[in-house]
Amino acid sequence: MANKVYQHDETAILWQSASYDHAFFITGTPGALGPAAGRQGAVRDFGTAARPRRFVWRARITPTTTCVVGQMVTVYWKTGDGTTYDNNDGTTDLAVTALDKLRNCMILGAIQIDKLNAADVMSASGEVELSSRYGMPIFWNGTANALSGTMTTYGFSLTPVPDEVQ
């Protein structure tokens, strides 16, 4: 009889404020992330021990004013080997200097503005396979609005989903 392979979700890794796993928008605020601007979170070292390769990601934002439906905040993943990274903007929570700096980063997806209300949290999610030891999320604000600086209205998470053979 064949073995069954189950998904076994582990604890999510969070990028948000100083009280979470990794800093994201701490040295600035999402409100400071205006249109045509980007921000990356602090680097995650996944270590050298055995680890899952498959993750579910979730990103969330809240615009500060009435929105244009269909505009997007693009979510990227930047990888590295501890010395060289997909761009040279560093490995800490900081502003991305230009959209062109994201050409070699992996696009995870985008949060599309799906309603006009500024107070609504909008999110997107997906699955990704990550094999690099180091990585960090990047948001690029392609909307006409700044993003909210309220801690509960933005963030990024990765939930490891290793397979479990029984």
N, C-alpha and C. Protein backbone atom coordinates (compact mmCIF):
# COMPACT_ATOMS: atom_id res chain seq x y z
N MET A 1 0.84 -1.18 0.00
CA MET A 1 0.00 0.00 0.00
C MET A 1 0.89 1.25 0.00
N ALA A 2 0.55 2.21 -0.80
CA ALA A 2 1.34 3.45 -0.92
C ALA A 2 1.17 4.32 0.32
N ASN A 3 2.21 5.07 0.63
CA ASN A 3 2.14 6.02 1.73
C ASN A 3 1.35 7.25 1.31
N LYS A 4 0.72 7.88 2.28
CA LYS A 4 0.02 9.13 2.04
C LYS A 4 0.99 10.28 2.33
N VAL A 5 0.89 11.35 1.54
CA VAL A 5 1.70 12.54 1.76
C VAL A 5 0.75 13.67 2.12
N TYR A 6 0.93 14.19 3.34
CA TYR A 6 0.08 15.26 3.83
C TYR A 6 0.86 16.57 3.90
N GLN A 7 0.12 17.65 3.84
CA GLN A 7 0.71 18.97 4.08
C GLN A 7 0.65 19.21 5.58
N HIS A 8 1.73 19.73 6.14
CA HIS A 8 1.80 19.98 7.58
C HIS A 8 2.24 21.43 7.79
N ASP A 9 1.28 22.36 7.89
CA ASP A 9 1.61 23.77 8.06
C ASP A 9 2.37 24.00 9.37
N GLU A 10 3.43 24.80 9.28
CA GLU A 10 4.20 25.16 10.46
C GLU A 10 3.89 26.60 10.85
N THR A 11 4.57 27.12 11.83
CA THR A 11 4.34 28.48 12.31
C THR A 11 4.81 29.50 11.29
N ALA A 12 4.00 30.50 11.03
CA ALA A 12 4.32 31.54 10.06
C ALA A 12 5.50 32.39 10.53
N ILE A 13 6.31 32.82 9.58
CA ILE A 13 7.40 33.76 9.81
C ILE A 13 6.87 35.12 9.39
N LEU A 14 6.96 36.11 10.28
CA LEU A 14 6.30 37.40 10.05
C LEU A 14 7.28 38.54 9.85
N TRP A 15 7.00 39.37 8.86
CA TRP A 15 7.69 40.64 8.65
C TRP A 15 6.66 41.72 8.92
N GLN A 16 6.90 42.52 9.95
CA GLN A 16 5.95 43.59 10.25
C GLN A 16 6.64 44.63 11.11
N SER A 17 6.33 44.68 12.39
CA SER A 17 6.93 45.69 13.26
C SER A 17 8.04 45.06 14.08
N ALA A 18 8.63 45.83 14.96
CA ALA A 18 9.75 45.35 15.77
C ALA A 18 9.37 44.17 16.66
N SER A 19 8.10 43.97 16.95
CA SER A 19 7.70 42.87 17.83
C SER A 19 7.48 41.56 17.08
N TYR A 20 7.77 41.54 15.78
CA TYR A 20 7.60 40.32 15.00
C TYR A 20 8.97 39.74 14.65
N ASP A 21 8.99 38.69 13.83
CA ASP A 21 10.23 37.98 13.52
C ASP A 21 11.26 38.85 12.81
N HIS A 22 10.80 39.66 11.85
CA HIS A 22 11.72 40.48 11.05
C HIS A 22 11.13 41.86 10.82
N ALA A 23 12.00 42.86 10.86
CA ALA A 23 11.56 44.24 10.68
C ALA A 23 11.09 44.47 9.24
N PHE A 24 10.04 45.26 9.13
CA PHE A 24 9.51 45.67 7.83
C PHE A 24 8.80 46.99 8.06
N PHE A 25 9.25 48.05 7.42
CA PHE A 25 8.69 49.39 7.59
C PHE A 25 8.93 49.94 8.99
N ILE A 26 10.06 49.61 9.61
CA ILE A 26 10.33 50.12 10.95
C ILE A 26 11.08 51.44 10.90
N THR A 27 12.13 51.52 10.08
CA THR A 27 12.90 52.75 10.02
C THR A 27 12.17 53.83 9.25
N GLY A 28 11.13 53.46 8.57
CA GLY A 28 10.20 54.38 7.92
C GLY A 28 8.83 53.82 8.22
N THR A 29 7.80 54.36 7.66
CA THR A 29 6.48 53.78 7.85
C THR A 29 5.87 53.53 6.48
N PRO A 30 4.89 52.63 6.40
CA PRO A 30 4.24 52.44 5.12
C PRO A 30 3.64 53.74 4.60
N GLY A 31 3.21 54.64 5.51
CA GLY A 31 2.69 55.93 5.08
C GLY A 31 3.74 56.71 4.31
N ALA A 32 5.01 56.45 4.61
CA ALA A 32 6.11 57.09 3.89
C ALA A 32 6.34 56.41 2.55
N LEU A 33 5.72 55.26 2.33
CA LEU A 33 5.86 54.56 1.06
C LEU A 33 4.82 55.11 0.10
N GLY A 34 5.19 56.17 -0.55
CA GLY A 34 4.27 56.82 -1.47
C GLY A 34 4.20 56.08 -2.79
N PRO A 35 3.50 56.65 -3.75
CA PRO A 35 3.42 56.05 -5.08
C PRO A 35 4.79 55.93 -5.72
N ALA A 36 4.97 54.89 -6.52
CA ALA A 36 6.24 54.65 -7.24
C ALA A 36 7.42 54.58 -6.29
N ALA A 37 7.24 53.84 -5.19
CA ALA A 37 8.30 53.66 -4.20
C ALA A 37 8.26 52.23 -3.69
N GLY A 38 9.40 51.76 -3.17
CA GLY A 38 9.48 50.40 -2.67
C GLY A 38 10.12 50.32 -1.30
N ARG A 39 9.88 49.21 -0.64
CA ARG A 39 10.46 48.95 0.68
C ARG A 39 10.72 47.46 0.81
N GLN A 40 11.89 47.12 1.37
CA GLN A 40 12.19 45.70 1.62
C GLN A 40 12.24 45.46 3.12
N GLY A 41 11.93 44.22 3.50
CA GLY A 41 12.04 43.82 4.89
C GLY A 41 13.45 43.34 5.18
N ALA A 42 13.73 43.11 6.46
CA ALA A 42 15.04 42.61 6.87
C ALA A 42 15.23 41.17 6.39
N VAL A 43 16.48 40.79 6.20
CA VAL A 43 16.82 39.47 5.67
C VAL A 43 16.48 38.37 6.67
N ARG A 44 16.04 37.24 6.15
CA ARG A 44 15.81 36.02 6.94
C ARG A 44 16.90 35.02 6.59
N ASP A 45 17.56 34.50 7.60
CA ASP A 45 18.53 33.41 7.43
C ASP A 45 17.79 32.12 7.79
N PHE A 46 17.53 31.29 6.80
CA PHE A 46 16.80 30.04 7.04
C PHE A 46 17.71 28.95 7.62
N GLY A 47 19.02 29.23 7.70
CA GLY A 47 19.96 28.29 8.31
C GLY A 47 20.41 27.19 7.37
N THR A 48 21.28 26.34 7.89
CA THR A 48 21.85 25.27 7.08
C THR A 48 21.23 23.90 7.37
N ALA A 49 20.39 23.82 8.40
CA ALA A 49 19.74 22.55 8.74
C ALA A 49 18.65 22.23 7.71
N ALA A 50 18.18 20.99 7.74
CA ALA A 50 17.08 20.60 6.85
C ALA A 50 15.89 21.52 7.09
N ARG A 51 15.25 21.93 5.99
CA ARG A 51 14.13 22.85 6.10
C ARG A 51 13.19 22.63 4.92
N PRO A 52 11.95 23.07 5.07
CA PRO A 52 11.02 22.94 3.94
C PRO A 52 11.40 23.90 2.82
N ARG A 53 11.02 23.54 1.61
CA ARG A 53 11.25 24.41 0.45
C ARG A 53 9.97 25.12 0.02
N ARG A 54 8.83 24.59 0.43
CA ARG A 54 7.55 25.13 -0.02
C ARG A 54 6.94 26.00 1.08
N PHE A 55 6.43 27.18 0.67
CA PHE A 55 5.85 28.13 1.61
C PHE A 55 4.58 28.72 1.01
N VAL A 56 3.67 29.14 1.88
CA VAL A 56 2.54 29.96 1.49
C VAL A 56 2.87 31.37 1.96
N TRP A 57 2.80 32.34 1.04
CA TRP A 57 3.06 33.73 1.41
C TRP A 57 1.75 34.50 1.46
N ARG A 58 1.72 35.53 2.29
CA ARG A 58 0.56 36.42 2.36
C ARG A 58 1.09 37.83 2.60
N ALA A 59 0.61 38.77 1.81
CA ALA A 59 0.97 40.17 1.94
C ALA A 59 -0.29 40.99 2.12
N ARG A 60 -0.21 42.05 2.95
CA ARG A 60 -1.38 42.90 3.15
C ARG A 60 -0.96 44.37 3.24
N ILE A 61 -1.80 45.24 2.73
CA ILE A 61 -1.58 46.68 2.74
C ILE A 61 -2.92 47.38 2.95
N THR A 62 -2.85 48.66 3.29
CA THR A 62 -4.03 49.51 3.32
C THR A 62 -3.65 50.86 2.75
N PRO A 63 -4.30 51.31 1.69
CA PRO A 63 -4.03 52.64 1.16
C PRO A 63 -4.50 53.71 2.15
N THR A 64 -3.98 54.93 2.02
CA THR A 64 -4.34 56.00 2.95
C THR A 64 -5.51 56.84 2.47
N THR A 65 -5.82 56.80 1.18
CA THR A 65 -6.91 57.61 0.64
C THR A 65 -7.71 56.79 -0.35
N THR A 66 -8.76 57.38 -0.90
CA THR A 66 -9.58 56.70 -1.90
C THR A 66 -8.69 56.17 -3.02
N CYS A 67 -8.94 54.96 -3.45
CA CYS A 67 -8.05 54.24 -4.35
C CYS A 67 -8.55 54.20 -5.78
N VAL A 68 -7.66 53.82 -6.67
CA VAL A 68 -8.01 53.56 -8.06
C VAL A 68 -8.05 52.03 -8.23
N VAL A 69 -9.23 51.51 -8.47
CA VAL A 69 -9.39 50.06 -8.61
C VAL A 69 -8.53 49.56 -9.77
N GLY A 70 -7.82 48.48 -9.54
CA GLY A 70 -6.99 47.86 -10.56
C GLY A 70 -5.51 48.18 -10.43
N GLN A 71 -5.17 49.25 -9.70
CA GLN A 71 -3.75 49.52 -9.49
C GLN A 71 -3.18 48.48 -8.53
N MET A 72 -1.84 48.34 -8.50
CA MET A 72 -1.25 47.23 -7.76
C MET A 72 -0.05 47.61 -6.91
N VAL A 73 0.11 46.86 -5.84
CA VAL A 73 1.35 46.82 -5.07
C VAL A 73 1.97 45.46 -5.39
N THR A 74 3.13 45.46 -6.03
CA THR A 74 3.77 44.21 -6.44
C THR A 74 4.63 43.70 -5.29
N VAL A 75 4.56 42.38 -5.06
CA VAL A 75 5.30 41.74 -3.98
C VAL A 75 6.42 40.90 -4.60
N TYR A 76 7.65 41.18 -4.18
CA TYR A 76 8.84 40.49 -4.68
C TYR A 76 9.50 39.71 -3.55
N TRP A 77 10.36 38.76 -3.93
CA TRP A 77 11.22 38.04 -2.98
C TRP A 77 12.65 38.19 -3.46
N LYS A 78 13.51 38.68 -2.58
CA LYS A 78 14.93 38.89 -2.87
C LYS A 78 15.73 37.80 -2.18
N THR A 79 16.60 37.11 -2.91
CA THR A 79 17.41 36.04 -2.33
C THR A 79 18.88 36.40 -2.32
N GLY A 80 19.64 35.61 -1.57
CA GLY A 80 21.07 35.80 -1.52
C GLY A 80 21.77 34.60 -0.92
N ASP A 81 23.09 34.64 -0.96
CA ASP A 81 23.90 33.55 -0.40
C ASP A 81 24.68 33.98 0.83
N GLY A 82 24.37 35.14 1.36
CA GLY A 82 25.09 35.67 2.51
C GLY A 82 26.12 36.71 2.13
N THR A 83 26.49 36.74 0.87
CA THR A 83 27.46 37.72 0.35
C THR A 83 26.86 38.52 -0.80
N THR A 84 26.26 37.82 -1.76
CA THR A 84 25.71 38.44 -2.96
C THR A 84 24.19 38.27 -2.94
N TYR A 85 23.49 39.37 -3.27
CA TYR A 85 22.02 39.37 -3.27
C TYR A 85 21.50 39.81 -4.64
N ASP A 86 20.19 39.63 -4.84
CA ASP A 86 19.57 39.91 -6.13
C ASP A 86 19.60 41.39 -6.51
N ASN A 87 19.87 42.26 -5.58
CA ASN A 87 20.17 43.67 -5.86
C ASN A 87 21.12 44.16 -4.77
N ASN A 88 21.64 45.35 -4.91
CA ASN A 88 22.63 45.82 -3.94
C ASN A 88 22.06 46.85 -2.98
N ASP A 89 20.79 46.72 -2.63
CA ASP A 89 20.16 47.64 -1.69
C ASP A 89 20.35 47.22 -0.23
N GLY A 90 21.20 46.25 0.04
CA GLY A 90 21.45 45.85 1.42
C GLY A 90 20.55 44.73 1.89
N THR A 91 20.62 44.45 3.19
CA THR A 91 19.87 43.33 3.76
C THR A 91 19.03 43.73 4.97
N THR A 92 18.85 45.02 5.18
CA THR A 92 18.04 45.47 6.31
C THR A 92 16.72 46.05 5.83
N ASP A 93 15.88 46.39 6.76
CA ASP A 93 14.61 47.06 6.48
C ASP A 93 14.92 48.45 5.96
N LEU A 94 14.71 48.68 4.66
CA LEU A 94 15.03 49.99 4.09
C LEU A 94 14.30 50.23 2.79
N ALA A 95 14.38 51.47 2.33
CA ALA A 95 13.74 51.86 1.08
C ALA A 95 14.50 51.25 -0.10
N VAL A 96 13.77 50.83 -1.12
CA VAL A 96 14.36 50.36 -2.37
C VAL A 96 14.60 51.61 -3.22
N THR A 97 15.78 51.71 -3.80
CA THR A 97 16.16 52.96 -4.46
C THR A 97 15.50 53.18 -5.82
N ALA A 98 15.08 52.13 -6.52
CA ALA A 98 14.45 52.30 -7.83
C ALA A 98 13.77 51.00 -8.26
N LEU A 99 12.72 51.11 -9.05
CA LEU A 99 12.04 49.92 -9.57
C LEU A 99 13.00 49.04 -10.37
N ASP A 100 13.93 49.65 -11.09
CA ASP A 100 14.90 48.88 -11.86
C ASP A 100 15.73 47.95 -10.98
N LYS A 101 15.88 48.26 -9.69
CA LYS A 101 16.64 47.41 -8.78
C LYS A 101 15.96 46.07 -8.52
N LEU A 102 14.71 45.93 -8.95
CA LEU A 102 13.95 44.70 -8.68
C LEU A 102 13.93 43.75 -9.88
N ARG A 103 14.64 44.07 -10.93
CA ARG A 103 14.62 43.25 -12.14
C ARG A 103 15.08 41.81 -11.90
N ASN A 104 16.00 41.59 -10.98
CA ASN A 104 16.52 40.25 -10.72
C ASN A 104 15.86 39.57 -9.52
N CYS A 105 14.90 40.23 -8.92
CA CYS A 105 14.17 39.65 -7.80
C CYS A 105 12.97 38.86 -8.32
N MET A 106 12.53 37.87 -7.57
CA MET A 106 11.41 37.02 -7.95
C MET A 106 10.09 37.74 -7.65
N ILE A 107 9.21 37.80 -8.63
CA ILE A 107 7.88 38.35 -8.39
C ILE A 107 7.02 37.25 -7.79
N LEU A 108 6.50 37.51 -6.58
CA LEU A 108 5.60 36.55 -5.95
C LEU A 108 4.17 36.75 -6.44
N GLY A 109 3.79 38.01 -6.60
CA GLY A 109 2.43 38.32 -7.02
C GLY A 109 2.17 39.79 -6.80
N ALA A 110 0.90 40.15 -6.74
CA ALA A 110 0.53 41.55 -6.54
C ALA A 110 -0.76 41.64 -5.75
N ILE A 111 -0.85 42.71 -4.97
CA ILE A 111 -2.09 43.05 -4.29
C ILE A 111 -2.78 44.06 -5.20
N GLN A 112 -3.89 43.66 -5.78
CA GLN A 112 -4.65 44.57 -6.65
C GLN A 112 -5.66 45.34 -5.82
N ILE A 113 -5.72 46.63 -6.06
CA ILE A 113 -6.73 47.44 -5.39
C ILE A 113 -8.08 46.98 -5.94
N ASP A 114 -8.94 46.50 -5.04
CA ASP A 114 -10.20 45.91 -5.49
C ASP A 114 -11.43 46.65 -4.98
N LYS A 115 -11.21 47.78 -4.31
CA LYS A 115 -12.34 48.61 -3.85
C LYS A 115 -11.84 50.02 -3.61
N LEU A 116 -12.74 50.96 -3.53
CA LEU A 116 -12.38 52.36 -3.39
C LEU A 116 -12.06 52.77 -1.96
N ASN A 117 -12.55 52.05 -0.98
CA ASN A 117 -12.42 52.45 0.42
C ASN A 117 -10.97 52.42 0.89
N ALA A 118 -10.51 53.53 1.45
CA ALA A 118 -9.13 53.62 1.91
C ALA A 118 -8.89 52.83 3.18
N ALA A 119 -9.90 52.64 4.01
CA ALA A 119 -9.72 52.01 5.31
C ALA A 119 -9.67 50.48 5.25
N ASP A 120 -9.87 49.90 4.09
CA ASP A 120 -9.94 48.44 3.98
C ASP A 120 -8.56 47.83 3.76
N VAL A 121 -8.25 46.80 4.55
CA VAL A 121 -7.03 46.03 4.35
C VAL A 121 -7.21 45.18 3.09
N MET A 122 -6.23 45.19 2.22
CA MET A 122 -6.26 44.39 1.00
C MET A 122 -5.09 43.43 1.04
N SER A 123 -5.31 42.20 0.60
CA SER A 123 -4.23 41.22 0.69
C SER A 123 -4.22 40.31 -0.52
N ALA A 124 -3.10 39.62 -0.67
CA ALA A 124 -2.94 38.60 -1.71
C ALA A 124 -2.06 37.51 -1.13
N SER A 125 -2.13 36.34 -1.72
CA SER A 125 -1.33 35.22 -1.22
C SER A 125 -1.03 34.27 -2.36
N GLY A 126 -0.15 33.33 -2.09
CA GLY A 126 0.21 32.33 -3.08
C GLY A 126 1.18 31.34 -2.50
N GLU A 127 1.62 30.42 -3.32
CA GLU A 127 2.61 29.41 -2.92
C GLU A 127 3.90 29.68 -3.65
N VAL A 128 5.02 29.41 -2.98
CA VAL A 128 6.32 29.61 -3.58
C VAL A 128 7.29 28.55 -3.05
N GLU A 129 8.21 28.14 -3.90
CA GLU A 129 9.29 27.24 -3.49
C GLU A 129 10.56 28.07 -3.36
N LEU A 130 11.17 28.03 -2.18
CA LEU A 130 12.36 28.83 -1.89
C LEU A 130 13.51 27.89 -1.54
N SER A 131 14.59 28.00 -2.27
CA SER A 131 15.73 27.14 -2.01
C SER A 131 16.94 27.90 -1.48
N SER A 132 16.94 29.22 -1.56
CA SER A 132 18.07 30.01 -1.06
C SER A 132 18.04 30.11 0.46
N ARG A 133 19.22 30.17 1.06
CA ARG A 133 19.32 30.26 2.51
C ARG A 133 18.82 31.61 3.03
N TYR A 134 19.05 32.69 2.27
CA TYR A 134 18.70 34.03 2.72
C TYR A 134 17.63 34.63 1.81
N GLY A 135 16.71 35.40 2.41
CA GLY A 135 15.71 36.05 1.60
C GLY A 135 14.93 37.08 2.38
N MET A 136 14.24 37.95 1.62
CA MET A 136 13.43 39.01 2.23
C MET A 136 12.36 39.47 1.26
N PRO A 137 11.21 39.94 1.78
CA PRO A 137 10.14 40.46 0.91
C PRO A 137 10.40 41.91 0.54
N ILE A 138 9.86 42.30 -0.61
CA ILE A 138 9.89 43.69 -1.06
C ILE A 138 8.51 44.04 -1.59
N PHE A 139 8.00 45.20 -1.20
CA PHE A 139 6.76 45.73 -1.76
C PHE A 139 7.13 46.89 -2.66
N TRP A 140 6.54 46.94 -3.86
CA TRP A 140 6.68 48.11 -4.74
C TRP A 140 5.29 48.70 -4.93
N ASN A 141 5.12 49.95 -4.49
CA ASN A 141 3.84 50.61 -4.55
C ASN A 141 3.62 51.22 -5.94
N GLY A 142 2.86 50.53 -6.75
CA GLY A 142 2.54 51.01 -8.09
C GLY A 142 1.20 51.70 -8.15
N THR A 143 0.67 52.08 -6.99
CA THR A 143 -0.63 52.76 -6.95
C THR A 143 -0.42 54.28 -6.93
N ALA A 144 -1.52 54.99 -6.98
CA ALA A 144 -1.49 56.45 -6.91
C ALA A 144 -1.59 56.94 -5.47
N ASN A 145 -1.56 56.02 -4.49
CA ASN A 145 -1.77 56.37 -3.09
C ASN A 145 -0.61 55.92 -2.21
N ALA A 146 -0.40 56.65 -1.13
CA ALA A 146 0.54 56.19 -0.09
C ALA A 146 -0.13 55.05 0.68
N LEU A 147 0.70 54.25 1.36
CA LEU A 147 0.17 53.13 2.14
C LEU A 147 0.10 53.51 3.61
N SER A 148 -0.85 52.94 4.32
CA SER A 148 -1.08 53.24 5.72
C SER A 148 0.11 52.84 6.59
N GLY A 149 0.38 53.62 7.62
CA GLY A 149 1.46 53.33 8.54
C GLY A 149 0.99 52.63 9.81
N THR A 150 -0.29 52.26 9.89
CA THR A 150 -0.80 51.58 11.06
C THR A 150 -0.32 50.13 11.07
N MET A 151 0.28 49.71 12.17
CA MET A 151 0.94 48.41 12.25
C MET A 151 0.07 47.23 11.80
N THR A 152 -1.20 47.24 12.11
CA THR A 152 -2.05 46.09 11.79
C THR A 152 -2.54 46.07 10.35
N THR A 153 -2.19 47.08 9.57
CA THR A 153 -2.75 47.17 8.21
C THR A 153 -1.75 46.83 7.12
N TYR A 154 -0.56 46.37 7.46
CA TYR A 154 0.42 45.97 6.46
C TYR A 154 1.24 44.82 7.03
N GLY A 155 1.90 44.09 6.16
CA GLY A 155 2.79 43.04 6.62
C GLY A 155 2.96 41.95 5.57
N PHE A 156 3.83 41.01 5.91
CA PHE A 156 4.15 39.89 5.03
C PHE A 156 4.41 38.68 5.90
N SER A 157 3.92 37.52 5.47
CA SER A 157 4.20 36.29 6.20
C SER A 157 4.53 35.16 5.23
N LEU A 158 5.38 34.26 5.71
CA LEU A 158 5.70 33.01 5.01
C LEU A 158 5.36 31.87 5.95
N THR A 159 4.52 30.98 5.52
CA THR A 159 4.19 29.80 6.33
C THR A 159 4.82 28.58 5.69
N PRO A 160 5.78 27.93 6.37
CA PRO A 160 6.36 26.71 5.83
C PRO A 160 5.29 25.60 5.73
N VAL A 161 5.25 24.90 4.61
CA VAL A 161 4.30 23.81 4.42
C VAL A 161 5.04 22.57 3.93
N PRO A 162 5.83 21.96 4.82
CA PRO A 162 6.56 20.76 4.40
C PRO A 162 5.60 19.58 4.21
N ASP A 163 6.01 18.70 3.35
CA ASP A 163 5.23 17.47 3.17
C ASP A 163 5.57 16.51 4.29
N GLU A 164 4.58 15.75 4.71
CA GLU A 164 4.74 14.76 5.77
C GLU A 164 4.29 13.41 5.22
N VAL A 165 5.20 12.46 5.17
CA VAL A 165 4.88 11.13 4.63
C VAL A 165 4.42 10.25 5.78
N GLN A 166 3.27 9.58 5.59
CA GLN A 166 2.76 8.67 6.64
C GLN A 166 2.51 7.30 6.06
